[in-house]
C-alpha atoms as a PDB file:
ATOM      1  CA  MET A   1      -0.033   0.233  -0.081  1.00  0.00           C
ATOM      2  CA  GLU A   2       2.845   2.359   0.672  1.00  0.00           C
ATOM      3  CA  ASP A   3       4.096   1.969  -2.896  1.00  0.00           C
ATOM      4  CA  ASP A   4       0.726   3.323  -4.068  1.00  0.00           C
ATOM      5  CA  VAL A   5       1.256   6.557  -2.593  1.00  0.00           C
ATOM      6  CA  ILE A   6       3.042   9.226  -4.318  1.00  0.00           C
ATOM      7  CA  ASP A   7       5.571  11.215  -2.518  1.00  0.00           C
ATOM      8  CA  THR A   8       4.960  14.448  -3.828  1.00  0.00           C
ATOM      9  CA  VAL A   9       7.988  16.215  -2.109  1.00  0.00           C
ATOM     10  CA  THR A  10      10.544  13.701  -3.619  1.00  0.00           C
ATOM     11  CA  LEU A  11       8.975  13.845  -7.093  1.00  0.00           C
ATOM     12  CA  ALA A  12       8.733  17.833  -6.950  1.00  0.00           C
ATOM     13  CA  ALA A  13      12.666  17.788  -5.779  1.00  0.00           C
ATOM     14  CA  GLU A  14      13.282  15.395  -8.767  1.00  0.00           C
ATOM     15  CA  LEU A  15      11.458  17.697 -11.244  1.00  0.00           C
ATOM     16  CA  THR A  16      13.268  20.686  -9.964  1.00  0.00           C
ATOM     17  CA  ALA A  17      16.574  19.157 -10.308  1.00  0.00           C
ATOM     18  CA  ALA A  18      16.142  17.971 -13.780  1.00  0.00           C
ATOM     19  CA  TRP A  19      14.749  21.680 -14.594  1.00  0.00           C
ATOM     20  CA  LEU A  20      17.862  23.162 -13.329  1.00  0.00           C
ATOM     21  CA  SER A  21      20.149  20.685 -14.847  1.00  0.00           C
ATOM     22  CA  ASN A  22      19.128  21.801 -18.331  1.00  0.00           C
ATOM     23  CA  SER A  23      21.755  24.491 -19.625  1.00  0.00           C
ATOM     24  CA  ASN A  24      19.047  26.643 -21.057  1.00  0.00           C
ATOM     25  CA  THR A  25      17.735  27.182 -17.525  1.00  0.00           C
ATOM     26  CA  ARG A  26      19.071  30.395 -16.261  1.00  0.00           C
ATOM     27  CA  VAL A  27      17.787  31.326 -12.608  1.00  0.00           C
ATOM     28  CA  GLY A  28      19.099  32.733  -9.647  1.00  0.00           C
ATOM     29  CA  ALA A  29      19.500  30.842  -6.288  1.00  0.00           C
ATOM     30  CA  GLU A  30      16.631  32.944  -4.976  1.00  0.00           C
ATOM     31  CA  ASP A  31      13.984  31.718  -7.416  1.00  0.00           C
ATOM     32  CA  VAL A  32      14.683  27.908  -6.860  1.00  0.00           C
ATOM     33  CA  PRO A  33      12.658  27.598  -3.410  1.00  0.00           C
ATOM     34  CA  ALA A  34       9.828  29.412  -5.125  1.00  0.00           C
ATOM     35  CA  PHE A  35       9.983  27.145  -8.182  1.00  0.00           C
ATOM     36  CA  LEU A  36      10.159  24.035  -5.859  1.00  0.00           C
ATOM     37  CA  LYS A  37       7.102  25.205  -4.000  1.00  0.00           C
ATOM     38  CA  SER A  38       5.125  25.750  -7.067  1.00  0.00           C
ATOM     39  CA  MET A  39       6.060  22.296  -8.441  1.00  0.00           C
ATOM     40  CA  HIS A  40       4.957  20.753  -4.986  1.00  0.00           C
ATOM     41  CA  GLU A  41       1.605  22.635  -4.967  1.00  0.00           C
ATOM     42  CA  THR A  42       1.091  21.464  -8.517  1.00  0.00           C
ATOM     43  CA  LEU A  43       1.791  17.734  -7.979  1.00  0.00           C
ATOM     44  CA  ALA A  44      -0.173  17.722  -4.686  1.00  0.00           C
ATOM     45  CA  GLY A  45      -3.052  19.322  -6.906  1.00  0.00           C
ATOM     46  CA  LEU A  46      -2.817  16.518  -9.391  1.00  0.00           C
ATOM     47  CA  SER A  47      -2.467  13.627  -7.232  1.00  0.00           C
ATOM     48  CA  ALA A  48      -5.467  14.736  -5.015  1.00  0.00           C
ATOM     49  CA  PRO A  49      -8.602  12.675  -5.323  1.00  0.00           C
ATOM     50  CA  GLY A  50     -11.549  14.235  -7.229  1.00  0.00           C
ATOM     51  CA  VAL A  51      -9.306  17.177  -8.874  1.00  0.00           C
ATOM     52  CA  SER A  52      -9.213  17.159 -12.465  1.00  0.00           C
ATOM     53  CA  ASN A  53      -6.580  18.944 -14.475  1.00  0.00           C
ATOM     54  CA  GLY A  54      -7.122  21.621 -16.860  1.00  0.00           C
ATOM     55  CA  ASN A  55      -7.354  19.537 -20.089  1.00  0.00           C
ATOM     56  CA  THR A  56     -10.386  17.751 -19.225  1.00  0.00           C
ATOM     57  CA  ALA A  57     -12.248  21.015 -18.102  1.00  0.00           C
ATOM     58  CA  GLU A  58     -11.323  22.503 -21.378  1.00  0.00           C
ATOM     59  CA  ALA A  59     -12.567  19.244 -23.179  1.00  0.00           C
ATOM     60  CA  ALA A  60     -16.051  19.323 -21.433  1.00  0.00           C
ATOM     61  CA  GLN A  61     -16.606  23.029 -21.867  1.00  0.00           C
ATOM     62  CA  ASP A  62     -19.947  23.586 -23.475  1.00  0.00           C
ATOM     63  CA  TYR A  63     -19.563  25.837 -26.398  1.00  0.00           C
ATOM     64  CA  VAL A  64     -22.574  28.312 -26.934  1.00  0.00           C
ATOM     65  CA  GLY A  65     -22.943  29.689 -30.436  1.00  0.00           C
ATOM     66  CA  ALA A  66     -22.684  33.336 -31.089  1.00  0.00           C
ATOM     67  CA  VAL A  67     -26.062  32.774 -33.280  1.00  0.00           C
ATOM     68  CA  THR A  68     -28.610  29.942 -33.483  1.00  0.00           C
ATOM     69  CA  ALA A  69     -28.153  27.373 -36.193  1.00  0.00           C
ATOM     70  CA  ARG A  70     -31.603  28.510 -37.544  1.00  0.00           C
ATOM     71  CA  LYS A  71     -30.117  32.097 -38.111  1.00  0.00           C
ATOM     72  CA  SER A  72     -26.739  31.096 -39.264  1.00  0.00           C
ATOM     73  CA  LEU A  73     -28.595  29.587 -42.419  1.00  0.00           C
ATOM     74  CA  ALA A  74     -31.211  32.254 -42.792  1.00  0.00           C
ATOM     75  CA  SER A  75     -29.669  33.893 -46.035  1.00  0.00           C
ATOM     76  CA  PRO A  76     -28.786  32.107 -48.871  1.00  0.00           C
ATOM     77  CA  ALA A  77     -25.896  34.622 -49.616  1.00  0.00           C
ATOM     78  CA  HIS A  78     -23.904  33.731 -46.586  1.00  0.00           C
ATOM     79  CA  ILE A  79     -23.518  31.458 -43.460  1.00  0.00           C
ATOM     80  CA  ILE A  80     -23.035  33.055 -40.290  1.00  0.00           C
ATOM     81  CA  SER A  81     -20.111  31.522 -38.153  1.00  0.00           C
ATOM     82  CA  MET A  82     -21.220  29.987 -34.736  1.00  0.00           C
ATOM     83  CA  ILE A  83     -17.858  31.033 -33.531  1.00  0.00           C
ATOM     84  CA  ASP A  84     -17.472  34.862 -34.184  1.00  0.00           C
ATOM     85  CA  GLY A  85     -21.131  35.550 -35.492  1.00  0.00           C
ATOM     86  CA  LYS A  86     -19.712  36.745 -38.817  1.00  0.00           C
ATOM     87  CA  PRO A  87     -21.219  35.987 -42.306  1.00  0.00           C
ATOM     88  CA  TYR A  88     -18.892  33.727 -44.647  1.00  0.00           C
ATOM     89  CA  LYS A  89     -19.502  32.292 -48.225  1.00  0.00           C
ATOM     90  CA  THR A  90     -17.587  29.198 -47.138  1.00  0.00           C
ATOM     91  CA  LEU A  91     -16.665  28.379 -43.619  1.00  0.00           C
ATOM     92  CA  ARG A  92     -13.743  25.735 -44.056  1.00  0.00           C
ATOM     93  CA  ARG A  93     -10.764  28.474 -44.180  1.00  0.00           C
ATOM     94  CA  HIS A  94     -12.337  30.093 -41.305  1.00  0.00           C
ATOM     95  CA  LEU A  95     -12.800  26.848 -39.420  1.00  0.00           C
ATOM     96  CA  SER A  96      -9.335  26.004 -40.122  1.00  0.00           C
ATOM     97  CA  GLY A  97      -7.940  29.278 -38.797  1.00  0.00           C
ATOM     98  CA  HIS A  98      -9.769  28.140 -35.430  1.00  0.00           C
ATOM     99  CA  GLY A  99      -7.849  24.801 -35.400  1.00  0.00           C
ATOM    100  CA  LEU A 100     -11.329  22.941 -36.317  1.00  0.00           C
ATOM    101  CA  THR A 101     -12.409  20.621 -39.020  1.00  0.00           C
ATOM    102  CA  PRO A 102     -16.200  20.472 -40.204  1.00  0.00           C
ATOM    103  CA  GLU A 103     -16.917  17.583 -38.171  1.00  0.00           C
ATOM    104  CA  ASP A 104     -15.404  19.248 -35.132  1.00  0.00           C
ATOM    105  CA  TYR A 105     -17.297  22.409 -35.677  1.00  0.00           C
ATOM    106  CA  ARG A 106     -20.449  20.484 -35.970  1.00  0.00           C
ATOM    107  CA  ALA A 107     -19.784  18.257 -32.812  1.00  0.00           C
ATOM    108  CA  ARG A 108     -18.920  21.498 -30.818  1.00  0.00           C
ATOM    109  CA  TYR A 109     -22.131  23.170 -31.395  1.00  0.00           C
ATOM    110  CA  GLY A 110     -24.282  20.093 -31.936  1.00  0.00           C
ATOM    111  CA  LEU A 111     -25.301  20.658 -35.354  1.00  0.00           C
ATOM    112  CA  LYS A 112     -26.215  17.789 -37.661  1.00  0.00           C
ATOM    113  CA  SER A 113     -24.017  16.048 -39.867  1.00  0.00           C
ATOM    114  CA  ASP A 114     -25.479  17.625 -43.189  1.00  0.00           C
ATOM    115  CA  TYR A 115     -25.324  21.033 -41.675  1.00  0.00           C
ATOM    116  CA  PRO A 116     -23.617  23.076 -44.777  1.00  0.00           C
ATOM    117  CA  MET A 117     -20.167  24.602 -44.957  1.00  0.00           C
ATOM    118  CA  VAL A 118     -20.608  26.730 -48.308  1.00  0.00           C
ATOM    119  CA  ALA A 119     -23.507  29.336 -48.835  1.00  0.00           C
ATOM    120  CA  PRO A 120     -26.106  28.112 -51.148  1.00  0.00           C
ATOM    121  CA  ASN A 121     -25.483  31.294 -53.650  1.00  0.00           C
ATOM    122  CA  TYR A 122     -21.839  30.683 -53.719  1.00  0.00           C
ATOM    123  CA  SER A 123     -22.224  26.984 -54.479  1.00  0.00           C
ATOM    124  CA  GLU A 124     -24.592  27.727 -57.443  1.00  0.00           C
ATOM    125  CA  ALA A 125     -22.354  30.411 -58.974  1.00  0.00           C
ATOM    126  CA  ARG A 126     -19.282  27.779 -58.685  1.00  0.00           C
ATOM    127  CA  ARG A 127     -21.634  25.256 -60.228  1.00  0.00           C
ATOM    128  CA  ALA A 128     -22.369  27.425 -63.134  1.00  0.00           C
ATOM    129  CA  MET A 129     -18.770  28.624 -63.602  1.00  0.00           C
ATOM    130  CA  ALA A 130     -17.843  24.744 -63.669  1.00  0.00           C
ATOM    131  CA  LYS A 131     -20.183  24.005 -66.149  1.00  0.00           C
ATOM    132  CA  LYS A 132     -19.483  27.015 -68.460  1.00  0.00           C
ATOM    133  CA  ILE A 133     -15.744  25.859 -68.759  1.00  0.00           C
ATOM    134  CA  GLY A 134     -16.833  22.424 -69.302  1.00  0.00           C
ATOM    135  CA  LEU A 135     -15.928  20.378 -66.127  1.00  0.00           C
ATOM    136  CA  GLY A 136     -17.908  17.197 -65.928  1.00  0.00           C
ATOM    137  CA  ARG A 137     -17.614  16.342 -69.577  1.00  0.00           C
ATOM    138  CA  LYS A 138     -16.140  13.500 -71.231  1.00  0.00           C
ATOM    139  CA  PRO A 139     -12.713  14.440 -73.003  1.00  0.00           C
ATOM    140  CA  GLY A 140     -13.311  15.767 -76.751  1.00  0.00           C
ATOM    141  CA  GLU A 141     -17.135  16.347 -76.125  1.00  0.00           C
ATOM    142  CA  THR A 142     -18.120  20.220 -76.909  1.00  0.00           C
ATOM    143  CA  VAL A 143     -21.173  21.818 -75.546  1.00  0.00           C
ATOM    144  CA  LYS A 144     -22.804  22.137 -78.940  1.00  0.00           C
ATOM    145  CA  ALA A 145     -22.410  18.529 -79.659  1.00  0.00           C
ATOM    146  CA  ARG A 146     -23.816  17.401 -76.257  1.00  0.00           C
ATOM    147  CA  ALA A 147     -26.765  19.631 -76.779  1.00  0.00           C
ATOM    148  CA  ALA A 148     -27.563  18.295 -80.308  1.00  0.00           C
ATOM    149  CA  ALA A 149     -27.012  14.757 -79.194  1.00  0.00           C
ATOM    150  CA  SER A 150     -29.729  15.346 -76.322  1.00  0.00           C
ATOM    151  CA  ALA A 151     -32.107  17.230 -79.013  1.00  0.00           C
ATOM    152  CA  LYS A 152     -31.846  14.210 -81.308  1.00  0.00           C
ATOM    153  CA  ALA A 153     -32.570  11.757 -78.659  1.00  0.00           C
ATOM    154  CA  ALA A 154     -35.722  13.817 -77.635  1.00  0.00           C
ATOM    155  CA  ALA A 155     -37.101  14.320 -81.051  1.00  0.00           C
ATOM    156  CA  PRO A 156     -39.498  11.569 -82.165  1.00  0.00           C
ATOM    157  CA  ALA A 157     -38.506   9.335 -85.448  1.00  0.00           C
ATOM    158  CA  LYS A 158     -39.431  11.073 -88.552  1.00  0.00           C
ATOM    159  CA  ALA A 159     -42.309   9.574 -90.602  1.00  0.00           C
ATOM    160  CA  PRO A 160     -41.711   9.212 -94.397  1.00  0.00           C
ATOM    161  CA  ALA A 161     -42.158  12.455 -96.304  1.00  0.00           C
ATOM    162  CA  LYS A 162     -45.522  13.017 -97.968  1.00  0.00           C
ATOM    163  CA  PRO A 163     -45.616  13.138-101.711  1.00  0.00           C
ATOM    164  CA  LYS A 164     -46.386  16.632-103.382  1.00  0.00           C
ATOM    165  CA  GLY A 165     -48.812  16.665-106.067  1.00  0.00           C
ATOM    166  CA  VAL A 166     -51.323  14.461-107.695  1.00  0.00           C
ATOM    167  CA  ALA A 167     -48.755  12.652-109.774  1.00  0.00           C
ATOM    168  CA  ALA A 168     -46.226  11.969-107.119  1.00  0.00           C
ATOM    169  CA  ALA A 169     -49.127  10.585-105.101  1.00  0.00           C
ATOM    170  CA  LYS A 170     -50.297   8.418-107.951  1.00  0.00           C
ATOM    171  CA  LYS A 171     -46.712   7.068-108.217  1.00  0.00           C
ATOM    172  CA  ALA A 172     -46.423   6.223-104.512  1.00  0.00           C
ATOM    173  CA  ALA A 173     -49.621   4.374-104.328  1.00  0.00           C
ATOM    174  CA  LEU A 174     -48.733   2.216-107.174  1.00  0.00           C
ATOM    175  CA  ALA A 175     -45.272   1.520-105.775  1.00  0.00           C
ATOM    176  CA  HIS A 176     -46.940   0.729-102.349  1.00  0.00           C
ATOM    177  CA  LEU A 177     -49.674  -1.608-103.927  1.00  0.00           C
ATOM    178  CA  ALA A 178     -46.663  -3.296-106.034  1.00  0.00           C
ATOM    179  CA  GLY A 179     -44.741  -4.063-102.912  1.00  0.00           C
ATOM    180  CA  GLU A 180     -41.768  -1.877-103.232  1.00  0.00           C
ATOM    181  CA  ASN A 181     -42.340  -0.008-100.295  1.00  0.00           C
ATOM    182  CA  ALA A 182     -43.517  -2.695 -97.886  1.00  0.00           C
END
């Protein structure tokens, strides 16, 4: 049982000695007791039961958005950030500046997994631009060729042309009866 108990005084002294042995540490003799006391208090706080360190408190912090999720999506021209309440066309760069991924952002503010990261108007403008320059087509296919092919597929099959005039009609009728155009 004695081995389970951590001797904070000994551990603090060892940590202080290790800190002082670093050649980059330049302190006066009067600063060593204050550092040792600070180290001991920190270790005692960490080893006390029921006391948590600052990292878990930060992880458990409940984040409140600057605006509601509904208000952040109210305009098709922009998305309002839950972090700072400012409008953005796309949130990806803004989130990376705060060290977040879209998944982290959604989890932090309790948003659904399909919460958009790009404003609808901006997305549509980028889509139109991509179509205009030809993204998504097969190589060698032009816009006119694709339009002609779709128009040809949509048009019904042509019926045989009707003969013009009485003489042409008689000739077509005789040919039909003879079995030439059967």
